[in-house]
PDB file of N, CA and C in Angstrom:
ATOM      1  N   MET A   1      23.367  16.484  -2.363  1.00  0.00           N
ATOM      2  CA  MET A   1      22.393  17.595  -2.226  1.00  0.00           C
ATOM      3  C   MET A   1      21.365  16.695  -2.784  1.00  0.00           C
ATOM      4  N   SER A   2      20.095  16.047  -2.841  1.00  0.00           N
ATOM      5  CA  SER A   2      18.930  16.198  -3.980  1.00  0.00           C
ATOM      6  C   SER A   2      18.172  17.445  -4.046  1.00  0.00           C
ATOM      7  N   ALA A   3      17.525  17.098  -5.205  1.00  0.00           N
ATOM      8  CA  ALA A   3      16.830  18.617  -5.855  1.00  0.00           C
ATOM      9  C   ALA A   3      15.616  18.459  -4.547  1.00  0.00           C
ATOM     10  N   LYS A   4      14.972  19.934  -4.610  1.00  0.00           N
ATOM     11  CA  LYS A   4      13.750  20.392  -4.043  1.00  0.00           C
ATOM     12  C   LYS A   4      12.704  19.713  -4.820  1.00  0.00           C
ATOM     13  N   ASN A   5      12.214  19.076  -3.694  1.00  0.00           N
ATOM     14  CA  ASN A   5      10.837  18.472  -3.943  1.00  0.00           C
ATOM     15  C   ASN A   5       9.334  19.413  -3.527  1.00  0.00           C
ATOM     16  N   LEU A   6       8.778  19.856  -4.419  1.00  0.00           N
ATOM     17  CA  LEU A   6       7.445  20.474  -3.837  1.00  0.00           C
ATOM     18  C   LEU A   6       6.126  19.115  -3.920  1.00  0.00           C
ATOM     19  N   ASP A   7       5.181  19.831  -3.510  1.00  0.00           N
ATOM     20  CA  ASP A   7       4.259  18.969  -2.915  1.00  0.00           C
ATOM     21  C   ASP A   7       3.063  19.691  -4.338  1.00  0.00           C
ATOM     22  N   ARG A   8       2.032  19.262  -4.289  1.00  0.00           N
ATOM     23  CA  ARG A   8       0.919  19.639  -5.393  1.00  0.00           C
ATOM     24  C   ARG A   8       0.663  21.449  -5.183  1.00  0.00           C
ATOM     25  N   HIS A   9       0.907  22.071  -3.816  1.00  0.00           N
ATOM     26  CA  HIS A   9       0.294  22.881  -3.683  1.00  0.00           C
ATOM     27  C   HIS A   9       1.856  24.162  -3.290  1.00  0.00           C
ATOM     28  N   ASN A  10       2.969  23.417  -4.330  1.00  0.00           N
ATOM     29  CA  ASN A  10       4.251  24.198  -4.195  1.00  0.00           C
ATOM     30  C   ASN A  10       4.812  24.631  -3.320  1.00  0.00           C
ATOM     31  N   ARG A  11       5.002  23.601  -2.366  1.00  0.00           N
ATOM     32  CA  ARG A  11       5.569  23.980  -0.726  1.00  0.00           C
ATOM     33  C   ARG A  11       6.247  22.967  -0.970  1.00  0.00           C
ATOM     34  N   PHE A  12       7.364  23.218  -0.408  1.00  0.00           N
ATOM     35  CA  PHE A  12       8.492  22.745  -0.031  1.00  0.00           C
ATOM     36  C   PHE A  12       8.674  21.785   0.715  1.00  0.00           C
ATOM     37  N   ARG A  13       8.672  20.169   1.001  1.00  0.00           N
ATOM     38  CA  ARG A  13       8.606  19.560   2.174  1.00  0.00           C
ATOM     39  C   ARG A  13       9.874  19.201   2.797  1.00  0.00           C
ATOM     40  N   SER A  14      10.497  20.323   4.065  1.00  0.00           N
ATOM     41  CA  SER A  14      11.557  20.722   4.445  1.00  0.00           C
ATOM     42  C   SER A  14      11.735  19.527   6.152  1.00  0.00           C
ATOM     43  N   ILE A  15      10.627  19.295   6.726  1.00  0.00           N
ATOM     44  CA  ILE A  15      10.357  18.396   7.628  1.00  0.00           C
ATOM     45  C   ILE A  15      10.439  17.108   8.045  1.00  0.00           C
ATOM     46  N   THR A  16      11.220  16.482   8.042  1.00  0.00           N
ATOM     47  CA  THR A  16      11.219  15.298   8.335  1.00  0.00           C
ATOM     48  C   THR A  16      10.432  14.278   9.615  1.00  0.00           C
ATOM     49  N   VAL A  17       9.461  13.352   9.596  1.00  0.00           N
ATOM     50  CA  VAL A  17       8.736  12.830  10.459  1.00  0.00           C
ATOM     51  C   VAL A  17       9.130  11.463  10.770  1.00  0.00           C
ATOM     52  N   GLY A  18       9.593  11.034  11.743  1.00  0.00           N
ATOM     53  CA  GLY A  18       9.869   9.839  11.766  1.00  0.00           C
ATOM     54  C   GLY A  18       9.316   8.819  13.130  1.00  0.00           C
ATOM     55  N   PHE A  19       9.142   7.721  12.772  1.00  0.00           N
ATOM     56  CA  PHE A  19       8.157   6.739  14.332  1.00  0.00           C
ATOM     57  C   PHE A  19       9.016   5.535  13.974  1.00  0.00           C
ATOM     58  N   ARG A  20       8.984   4.799  15.003  1.00  0.00           N
ATOM     59  CA  ARG A  20       9.356   3.574  15.003  1.00  0.00           C
ATOM     60  C   ARG A  20       8.268   2.504  14.765  1.00  0.00           C
ATOM     61  N   VAL A  21       8.412   1.162  14.501  1.00  0.00           N
ATOM     62  CA  VAL A  21       7.556   0.149  14.376  1.00  0.00           C
ATOM     63  C   VAL A  21       8.305  -1.381  14.460  1.00  0.00           C
ATOM     64  N   SER A  22       7.428  -2.529  14.748  1.00  0.00           N
ATOM     65  CA  SER A  22       8.393  -3.324  14.857  1.00  0.00           C
ATOM     66  C   SER A  22       8.617  -3.911  12.893  1.00  0.00           C
ATOM     67  N   PRO A  23       9.155  -5.305  13.011  1.00  0.00           N
ATOM     68  CA  PRO A  23       9.504  -5.664  11.974  1.00  0.00           C
ATOM     69  C   PRO A  23       8.173  -6.307  11.478  1.00  0.00           C
ATOM     70  N   GLU A  24       7.238  -6.716  11.978  1.00  0.00           N
ATOM     71  CA  GLU A  24       5.516  -7.145  11.465  1.00  0.00           C
ATOM     72  C   GLU A  24       4.796  -5.592  11.334  1.00  0.00           C
ATOM     73  N   GLU A  25       4.898  -5.051  11.594  1.00  0.00           N
ATOM     74  CA  GLU A  25       4.396  -3.566  11.356  1.00  0.00           C
ATOM     75  C   GLU A  25       4.998  -2.779   9.982  1.00  0.00           C
ATOM     76  N   ASN A  26       6.110  -3.344   9.940  1.00  0.00           N
ATOM     77  CA  ASN A  26       6.898  -2.719   8.861  1.00  0.00           C
ATOM     78  C   ASN A  26       6.904  -3.288   7.388  1.00  0.00           C
ATOM     79  N   GLU A  27       6.405  -4.874   7.564  1.00  0.00           N
ATOM     80  CA  GLU A  27       5.957  -5.469   6.401  1.00  0.00           C
ATOM     81  C   GLU A  27       4.986  -5.243   6.142  1.00  0.00           C
ATOM     82  N   GLN A  28       4.050  -5.273   7.190  1.00  0.00           N
ATOM     83  CA  GLN A  28       2.303  -4.388   6.740  1.00  0.00           C
ATOM     84  C   GLN A  28       2.279  -3.246   5.797  1.00  0.00           C
ATOM     85  N   ILE A  29       3.080  -2.351   6.587  1.00  0.00           N
ATOM     86  CA  ILE A  29       3.046  -1.333   5.575  1.00  0.00           C
ATOM     87  C   ILE A  29       3.695  -1.715   4.406  1.00  0.00           C
ATOM     88  N   ASN A  30       5.088  -1.976   4.364  1.00  0.00           N
ATOM     89  CA  ASN A  30       5.499  -2.310   2.766  1.00  0.00           C
ATOM     90  C   ASN A  30       4.453  -2.572   2.183  1.00  0.00           C
ATOM     91  N   ARG A  31       3.890  -3.714   2.683  1.00  0.00           N
ATOM     92  CA  ARG A  31       2.249  -4.695   1.642  1.00  0.00           C
ATOM     93  C   ARG A  31       1.468  -3.289   1.365  1.00  0.00           C
ATOM     94  N   VAL A  32       0.632  -2.660   2.247  1.00  0.00           N
ATOM     95  CA  VAL A  32      -0.285  -1.619   1.647  1.00  0.00           C
ATOM     96  C   VAL A  32       0.493  -0.615   1.258  1.00  0.00           C
ATOM     97  N   VAL A  33       1.290   0.096   1.396  1.00  0.00           N
ATOM     98  CA  VAL A  33       2.713   0.909   0.328  1.00  0.00           C
ATOM     99  C   VAL A  33       2.610   0.425  -1.379  1.00  0.00           C
ATOM    100  N   ALA A  34       2.893  -1.265  -1.169  1.00  0.00           N
ATOM    101  CA  ALA A  34       3.497  -1.707  -2.431  1.00  0.00           C
ATOM    102  C   ALA A  34       1.890  -1.167  -3.312  1.00  0.00           C
ATOM    103  N   ILE A  35       0.562  -2.216  -2.831  1.00  0.00           N
ATOM    104  CA  ILE A  35      -0.184  -2.155  -3.701  1.00  0.00           C
ATOM    105  C   ILE A  35      -1.011  -0.978  -3.948  1.00  0.00           C
ATOM    106  N   SER A  36      -1.086   0.541  -2.868  1.00  0.00           N
ATOM    107  CA  SER A  36      -1.084   1.165  -3.503  1.00  0.00           C
ATOM    108  C   SER A  36      -0.725   1.920  -4.805  1.00  0.00           C
ATOM    109  N   GLY A  37       0.672   1.800  -4.951  1.00  0.00           N
ATOM    110  CA  GLY A  37       1.329   2.037  -6.093  1.00  0.00           C
ATOM    111  C   GLY A  37       2.111   3.050  -5.552  1.00  0.00           C
ATOM    112  N   LEU A  38       2.268   3.748  -4.435  1.00  0.00           N
ATOM    113  CA  LEU A  38       2.448   5.096  -4.080  1.00  0.00           C
ATOM    114  C   LEU A  38       3.681   5.208  -3.702  1.00  0.00           C
ATOM    115  N   SER A  39       4.927   5.825  -3.271  1.00  0.00           N
ATOM    116  CA  SER A  39       5.853   6.305  -2.444  1.00  0.00           C
ATOM    117  C   SER A  39       5.399   5.891  -0.907  1.00  0.00           C
ATOM    118  N   LYS A  40       6.301   5.578  -0.376  1.00  0.00           N
ATOM    119  CA  LYS A  40       5.956   5.100   1.468  1.00  0.00           C
ATOM    120  C   LYS A  40       5.793   6.461   2.090  1.00  0.00           C
ATOM    121  N   GLN A  41       6.990   7.424   1.736  1.00  0.00           N
ATOM    122  CA  GLN A  41       6.044   8.571   1.630  1.00  0.00           C
ATOM    123  C   GLN A  41       5.046   9.145   1.744  1.00  0.00           C
ATOM    124  N   GLU A  42       4.835   9.354   0.373  1.00  0.00           N
ATOM    125  CA  GLU A  42       3.280  10.105   0.491  1.00  0.00           C
ATOM    126  C   GLU A  42       1.928   8.708   0.817  1.00  0.00           C
ATOM    127  N   TYR A  43       2.210   7.696   0.473  1.00  0.00           N
ATOM    128  CA  TYR A  43       1.233   7.192   1.588  1.00  0.00           C
ATOM    129  C   TYR A  43       0.996   7.504   2.795  1.00  0.00           C
ATOM    130  N   CYS A  44       2.373   7.388   3.658  1.00  0.00           N
ATOM    131  CA  CYS A  44       2.192   7.659   4.984  1.00  0.00           C
ATOM    132  C   CYS A  44       1.195   9.146   5.303  1.00  0.00           C
ATOM    133  N   TYR A  45       1.963  10.026   4.705  1.00  0.00           N
ATOM    134  CA  TYR A  45       1.236  11.141   4.825  1.00  0.00           C
ATOM    135  C   TYR A  45       0.106  11.205   4.342  1.00  0.00           C
ATOM    136  N   ARG A  46      -1.067  10.891   3.256  1.00  0.00           N
ATOM    137  CA  ARG A  46      -1.864  10.906   3.065  1.00  0.00           C
ATOM    138  C   ARG A  46      -3.031  10.344   3.776  1.00  0.00           C
ATOM    139  N   ARG A  47      -2.530   9.665   4.876  1.00  0.00           N
ATOM    140  CA  ARG A  47      -3.124   8.329   5.496  1.00  0.00           C
ATOM    141  C   ARG A  47      -3.203   9.242   6.761  1.00  0.00           C
ATOM    142  N   CYS A  48      -2.027   9.579   7.231  1.00  0.00           N
ATOM    143  CA  CYS A  48      -1.944  10.376   8.449  1.00  0.00           C
ATOM    144  C   CYS A  48      -2.926  11.962   8.210  1.00  0.00           C
ATOM    145  N   MET A  49      -2.838  12.471   7.202  1.00  0.00           N
ATOM    146  CA  MET A  49      -3.911  13.272   6.961  1.00  0.00           C
ATOM    147  C   MET A  49      -5.010  13.491   6.613  1.00  0.00           C
ATOM    148  N   LYS A  50      -5.408  12.265   6.720  1.00  0.00           N
ATOM    149  CA  LYS A  50      -7.112  11.807   5.902  1.00  0.00           C
ATOM    150  C   LYS A  50      -7.340  11.851   4.675  1.00  0.00           C
ATOM    151  N   GLN A  51      -6.202  11.593   3.819  1.00  0.00           N
ATOM    152  CA  GLN A  51      -6.944  11.605   2.626  1.00  0.00           C
ATOM    153  C   GLN A  51      -6.792  10.249   1.952  1.00  0.00           C
ATOM    154  N   ASP A  52      -7.388  10.233   0.838  1.00  0.00           N
ATOM    155  CA  ASP A  52      -8.078   9.135  -0.210  1.00  0.00           C
ATOM    156  C   ASP A  52      -7.102   8.346  -0.533  1.00  0.00           C
ATOM    157  N   ILE A  53      -6.851   7.144  -0.371  1.00  0.00           N
ATOM    158  CA  ILE A  53      -6.008   6.167  -1.086  1.00  0.00           C
ATOM    159  C   ILE A  53      -6.695   5.801  -2.808  1.00  0.00           C
ATOM    160  N   ILE A  54      -6.224   6.416  -4.185  1.00  0.00           N
ATOM    161  CA  ILE A  54      -6.570   5.923  -4.723  1.00  0.00           C
ATOM    162  C   ILE A  54      -5.596   5.026  -5.733  1.00  0.00           C
ATOM    163  N   VAL A  55      -5.767   4.094  -5.609  1.00  0.00           N
ATOM    164  CA  VAL A  55      -5.253   2.611  -6.353  1.00  0.00           C
ATOM    165  C   VAL A  55      -5.782   2.788  -8.299  1.00  0.00           C
ATOM    166  N   HIS A  56      -4.552   3.207  -9.090  1.00  0.00           N
ATOM    167  CA  HIS A  56      -5.134   3.349 -10.280  1.00  0.00           C
ATOM    168  C   HIS A  56      -4.581   1.405 -11.113  1.00  0.00           C
ATOM    169  N   GLY A  57      -5.451   1.445 -11.563  1.00  0.00           N
ATOM    170  CA  GLY A  57      -5.630   0.246 -12.237  1.00  0.00           C
ATOM    171  C   GLY A  57      -4.418  -0.590 -13.652  1.00  0.00           C
ATOM    172  N   GLY A  58      -4.215   0.693 -13.566  1.00  0.00           N
ATOM    173  CA  GLY A  58      -3.535   0.848 -15.245  1.00  0.00           C
ATOM    174  C   GLY A  58      -1.901   1.052 -14.719  1.00  0.00           C
ATOM    175  N   ASN A  59      -1.517   0.439 -13.125  1.00  0.00           N
ATOM    176  CA  ASN A  59      -0.076   0.694 -12.526  1.00  0.00           C
ATOM    177  C   ASN A  59       0.419  -0.370 -12.595  1.00  0.00           C
ATOM    178  N   PRO A  60       1.609  -0.823 -13.660  1.00  0.00           N
ATOM    179  CA  PRO A  60       2.022  -2.185 -13.214  1.00  0.00           C
ATOM    180  C   PRO A  60       2.923  -2.216 -12.140  1.00  0.00           C
ATOM    181  N   LYS A  61       3.171  -1.667 -11.439  1.00  0.00           N
ATOM    182  CA  LYS A  61       3.208  -1.711  -9.952  1.00  0.00           C
ATOM    183  C   LYS A  61       2.256  -2.184  -9.209  1.00  0.00           C
ATOM    184  N   VAL A  62       1.531  -1.740  -9.793  1.00  0.00           N
ATOM    185  CA  VAL A  62      -0.452  -1.935  -8.518  1.00  0.00           C
ATOM    186  C   VAL A  62      -0.125  -3.375  -8.954  1.00  0.00           C
ATOM    187  N   PHE A  63      -0.168  -4.116 -10.299  1.00  0.00           N
ATOM    188  CA  PHE A  63      -0.521  -5.566 -10.309  1.00  0.00           C
ATOM    189  C   PHE A  63       0.783  -6.047 -10.019  1.00  0.00           C
ATOM    190  N   LYS A  64       1.674  -5.856 -10.022  1.00  0.00           N
ATOM    191  CA  LYS A  64       3.195  -6.642  -9.387  1.00  0.00           C
ATOM    192  C   LYS A  64       3.115  -6.869  -8.481  1.00  0.00           C
ATOM    193  N   ALA A  65       2.680  -5.756  -7.236  1.00  0.00           N
ATOM    194  CA  ALA A  65       2.333  -5.961  -6.040  1.00  0.00           C
ATOM    195  C   ALA A  65       0.819  -6.858  -5.552  1.00  0.00           C
ATOM    196  N   LEU A  66       0.092  -6.834  -6.041  1.00  0.00           N
ATOM    197  CA  LEU A  66      -0.982  -7.659  -6.037  1.00  0.00           C
ATOM    198  C   LEU A  66      -0.499  -9.132  -6.377  1.00  0.00           C
ATOM    199  N   LYS A  67       0.227  -9.559  -7.558  1.00  0.00           N
ATOM    200  CA  LYS A  67       0.446 -10.860  -7.589  1.00  0.00           C
ATOM    201  C   LYS A  67       1.654 -11.418  -6.549  1.00  0.00           C
ATOM    202  N   ASN A  68       2.538 -10.220  -6.178  1.00  0.00           N
ATOM    203  CA  ASN A  68       3.072 -11.217  -4.835  1.00  0.00           C
ATOM    204  C   ASN A  68       2.567 -11.181  -3.410  1.00  0.00           C
ATOM    205  N   ASN A  69       1.927 -10.374  -3.472  1.00  0.00           N
ATOM    206  CA  ASN A  69       0.555 -10.771  -1.671  1.00  0.00           C
ATOM    207  C   ASN A  69      -0.344 -11.368  -2.251  1.00  0.00           C
ATOM    208  N   LEU A  70      -0.929 -11.912  -3.328  1.00  0.00           N
ATOM    209  CA  LEU A  70      -1.323 -13.142  -3.223  1.00  0.00           C
ATOM    210  C   LEU A  70      -0.897 -14.104  -3.368  1.00  0.00           C
ATOM    211  N   ALA A  71       0.608 -14.347  -3.658  1.00  0.00           N
ATOM    212  CA  ALA A  71       1.528 -15.894  -3.660  1.00  0.00           C
ATOM    213  C   ALA A  71       1.776 -15.776  -2.360  1.00  0.00           C
ATOM    214  N   ASP A  72       2.164 -14.409  -1.538  1.00  0.00           N
ATOM    215  CA  ASP A  72       2.665 -14.559  -0.283  1.00  0.00           C
ATOM    216  C   ASP A  72       1.225 -15.317   0.752  1.00  0.00           C
ATOM    217  N   VAL A  73       0.281 -14.381   0.260  1.00  0.00           N
ATOM    218  CA  VAL A  73      -0.852 -15.065   1.080  1.00  0.00           C
ATOM    219  C   VAL A  73      -1.342 -16.411   0.995  1.00  0.00           C
ATOM    220  N   LEU A  74      -1.237 -16.922  -0.278  1.00  0.00           N
ATOM    221  CA  LEU A  74      -1.571 -18.558  -0.556  1.00  0.00           C
ATOM    222  C   LEU A  74      -0.035 -19.377   0.213  1.00  0.00           C
ATOM    223  N   THR A  75       1.361 -18.750   0.107  1.00  0.00           N
ATOM    224  CA  THR A  75       2.011 -19.484   0.880  1.00  0.00           C
ATOM    225  C   THR A  75       1.775 -19.573   1.990  1.00  0.00           C
ATOM    226  N   GLU A  76       1.478 -18.725   2.948  1.00  0.00           N
ATOM    227  CA  GLU A  76       0.978 -18.728   4.198  1.00  0.00           C
ATOM    228  C   GLU A  76      -0.044 -19.244   4.298  1.00  0.00           C
ATOM    229  N   LEU A  77      -1.075 -19.409   4.190  1.00  0.00           N
ATOM    230  CA  LEU A  77      -2.902 -20.090   4.097  1.00  0.00           C
ATOM    231  C   LEU A  77      -2.278 -21.915   4.071  1.00  0.00           C
ATOM    232  N   LYS A  78      -1.060 -22.334   3.413  1.00  0.00           N
ATOM    233  CA  LYS A  78      -0.936 -23.661   2.979  1.00  0.00           C
ATOM    234  C   LYS A  78      -0.061 -23.770   4.135  1.00  0.00           C
ATOM    235  N   ASN A  79       0.810 -22.940   4.724  1.00  0.00           N
ATOM    236  CA  ASN A  79       1.479 -23.269   5.924  1.00  0.00           C
ATOM    237  C   ASN A  79       1.279 -22.984   6.998  1.00  0.00           C
ATOM    238  N   LYS A  80       0.247 -22.838   7.338  1.00  0.00           N
ATOM    239  CA  LYS A  80      -0.617 -22.191   8.967  1.00  0.00           C
ATOM    240  C   LYS A  80      -1.842 -22.747   9.060  1.00  0.00           C
ATOM    241  N   ASN A  81      -2.036 -23.513  10.315  1.00  0.00           N
ATOM    242  CA  ASN A  81      -3.084 -23.631  10.587  1.00  0.00           C
ATOM    243  C   ASN A  81      -4.676 -22.777  10.542  1.00  0.00           C
ATOM    244  N   GLU A  82      -3.854 -21.924  11.220  1.00  0.00           N
ATOM    245  CA  GLU A  82      -5.042 -20.285  11.099  1.00  0.00           C
ATOM    246  C   GLU A  82      -4.604 -19.077  10.502  1.00  0.00           C
ATOM    247  N   VAL A  83      -5.328 -17.983  10.061  1.00  0.00           N
ATOM    248  CA  VAL A  83      -4.899 -16.916   9.386  1.00  0.00           C
ATOM    249  C   VAL A  83      -4.569 -16.018  10.861  1.00  0.00           C
ATOM    250  N   SER A  84      -3.798 -15.419  10.783  1.00  0.00           N
ATOM    251  CA  SER A  84      -3.339 -13.730  11.224  1.00  0.00           C
ATOM    252  C   SER A  84      -4.193 -12.644  11.113  1.00  0.00           C
ATOM    253  N   ASP A  85      -4.456 -11.569  11.738  1.00  0.00           N
ATOM    254  CA  ASP A  85      -5.198 -10.491  11.779  1.00  0.00           C
ATOM    255  C   ASP A  85      -4.808  -9.745  10.789  1.00  0.00           C
ATOM    256  N   GLU A  86      -3.189  -9.962  10.631  1.00  0.00           N
ATOM    257  CA  GLU A  86      -2.610  -9.112   9.778  1.00  0.00           C
ATOM    258  C   GLU A  86      -2.991  -9.285   8.502  1.00  0.00           C
ATOM    259  N   MET A  87      -3.152 -10.823   8.288  1.00  0.00           N
ATOM    260  CA  MET A  87      -3.234 -11.509   6.919  1.00  0.00           C
ATOM    261  C   MET A  87      -4.763 -11.580   6.460  1.00  0.00           C
ATOM    262  N   LEU A  88      -5.768 -11.158   7.445  1.00  0.00           N
ATOM    263  CA  LEU A  88      -7.046 -10.827   7.018  1.00  0.00           C
ATOM    264  C   LEU A  88      -7.200  -9.493   6.169  1.00  0.00           C
ATOM    265  N   GLU A  89      -6.483  -8.822   6.814  1.00  0.00           N
ATOM    266  CA  GLU A  89      -6.402  -7.358   6.608  1.00  0.00           C
ATOM    267  C   GLU A  89      -5.927  -6.635   5.062  1.00  0.00           C
ATOM    268  N   ILE A  90      -4.696  -7.497   4.549  1.00  0.00           N
ATOM    269  CA  ILE A  90      -4.173  -7.855   3.561  1.00  0.00           C
ATOM    270  C   ILE A  90      -5.235  -8.770   2.229  1.00  0.00           C
ATOM    271  N   ILE A  91      -5.684  -9.714   2.486  1.00  0.00           N
ATOM    272  CA  ILE A  91      -6.786 -10.282   1.985  1.00  0.00           C
ATOM    273  C   ILE A  91      -7.964  -9.055   1.737  1.00  0.00           C
ATOM    274  N   ARG A  92      -8.761  -8.081   2.415  1.00  0.00           N
ATOM    275  CA  ARG A  92      -9.646  -7.706   2.436  1.00  0.00           C
ATOM    276  C   ARG A  92      -9.183  -6.347   1.843  1.00  0.00           C
ATOM    277  N   LEU A  93      -7.561  -6.241   1.955  1.00  0.00           N
ATOM    278  CA  LEU A  93      -7.124  -4.750   1.044  1.00  0.00           C
ATOM    279  C   LEU A  93      -7.268  -5.114  -0.830  1.00  0.00           C
ATOM    280  N   ILE A  94      -6.867  -6.954  -0.500  1.00  0.00           N
ATOM    281  CA  ILE A  94      -6.520  -7.041  -2.246  1.00  0.00           C
ATOM    282  C   ILE A  94      -7.818  -7.422  -2.763  1.00  0.00           C
ATOM    283  N   THR A  95      -8.519  -7.852  -2.077  1.00  0.00           N
ATOM    284  CA  THR A  95     -10.460  -7.932  -2.364  1.00  0.00           C
ATOM    285  C   THR A  95     -10.796  -6.481  -2.502  1.00  0.00           C
ATOM    286  N   GLU A  96     -10.665  -5.672  -2.218  1.00  0.00           N
ATOM    287  CA  GLU A  96     -11.195  -4.555  -2.191  1.00  0.00           C
ATOM    288  C   GLU A  96     -10.395  -3.710  -3.331  1.00  0.00           C
ATOM    289  N   THR A  97      -9.206  -3.821  -3.377  1.00  0.00           N
ATOM    290  CA  THR A  97      -8.385  -3.109  -4.600  1.00  0.00           C
ATOM    291  C   THR A  97      -8.824  -3.758  -5.949  1.00  0.00           C
ATOM    292  N   LEU A  98      -8.957  -5.232  -6.180  1.00  0.00           N
ATOM    293  CA  LEU A  98      -9.441  -5.662  -7.477  1.00  0.00           C
ATOM    294  C   LEU A  98     -10.618  -5.682  -7.450  1.00  0.00           C
ATOM    295  N   ARG A  99     -11.287  -5.323  -6.462  1.00  0.00           N
ATOM    296  CA  ARG A  99     -13.173  -5.083  -6.843  1.00  0.00           C
ATOM    297  C   ARG A  99     -13.212  -3.219  -7.736  1.00  0.00           C
ATOM    298  N   GLU A 100     -12.445  -2.562  -6.736  1.00  0.00           N
ATOM    299  CA  GLU A 100     -12.520  -1.344  -7.360  1.00  0.00           C
ATOM    300  C   GLU A 100     -12.185  -1.086  -8.998  1.00  0.00           C
ATOM    301  N   MET A 101     -10.628  -1.981  -9.096  1.00  0.00           N
ATOM    302  CA  MET A 101     -10.188  -1.904 -10.463  1.00  0.00           C
ATOM    303  C   MET A 101     -10.767  -2.553 -11.092  1.00  0.00           C
ATOM    304  N   LYS A 102     -12.037  -3.904 -11.399  1.00  0.00           N
ATOM    305  CA  LYS A 102     -12.693  -4.329 -11.764  1.00  0.00           C
ATOM    306  C   LYS A 102     -13.552  -3.331 -12.427  1.00  0.00           C
ATOM    307  N   GLY A 103     -14.225  -2.475 -11.332  1.00  0.00           N
ATOM    308  CA  GLY A 103     -15.184  -1.536 -11.935  1.00  0.00           C
ATOM    309  C   GLY A 103     -14.538  -0.069 -12.520  1.00  0.00           C
ATOM    310  N   GLU A 104     -13.741   0.379 -12.635  1.00  0.00           N
ATOM    311  CA  GLU A 104     -12.855   1.347 -13.011  1.00  0.00           C
ATOM    312  C   GLU A 104     -12.600   0.875 -14.783  1.00  0.00           C
ATOM    313  N   LEU A 105     -12.528  -0.691 -14.634  1.00  0.00           N
ATOM    314  CA  LEU A 105     -11.940  -1.139 -15.778  1.00  0.00           C
ATOM    315  C   LEU A 105     -13.220  -0.965 -16.546  1.00  0.00           C
ATOM    316  N   ASN A 106     -14.611  -0.972 -16.139  1.00  0.00           N
ATOM    317  CA  ASN A 106     -15.639  -1.717 -16.944  1.00  0.00           C
ATOM    318  C   ASN A 106     -16.642  -0.523 -16.998  1.00  0.00           C
ATOM    319  N   GLU A 107     -15.760   0.746 -16.418  1.00  0.00           N
ATOM    320  CA  GLU A 107     -16.749   1.883 -17.176  1.00  0.00           C
ATOM    321  C   GLU A 107     -16.256   2.626 -18.075  1.00  0.00           C
TER     322      GLU A 107
END
């Protein structure tokens, strides 16, 4: 049995919440979670509770996720004649994340 995992308000998260997604939706979720630098649980929790997702530029996981997602975008753009709505959303998210990180680095 794993150790108890308390949230920042010292509450034990003992309830499991699950939902079904398509393989494409799962891929999309995994991409945005990787870019956020959060765990999938924490990302989904914050999104459901309408809390801000703050990406910290010093996190190596974030840089690696951005690099991998940019490589995926480039591959897809080379192989397809049109860009899907999901890919446009990933491009928007990467651009927004890089802008925020640039502003964070300049301060």
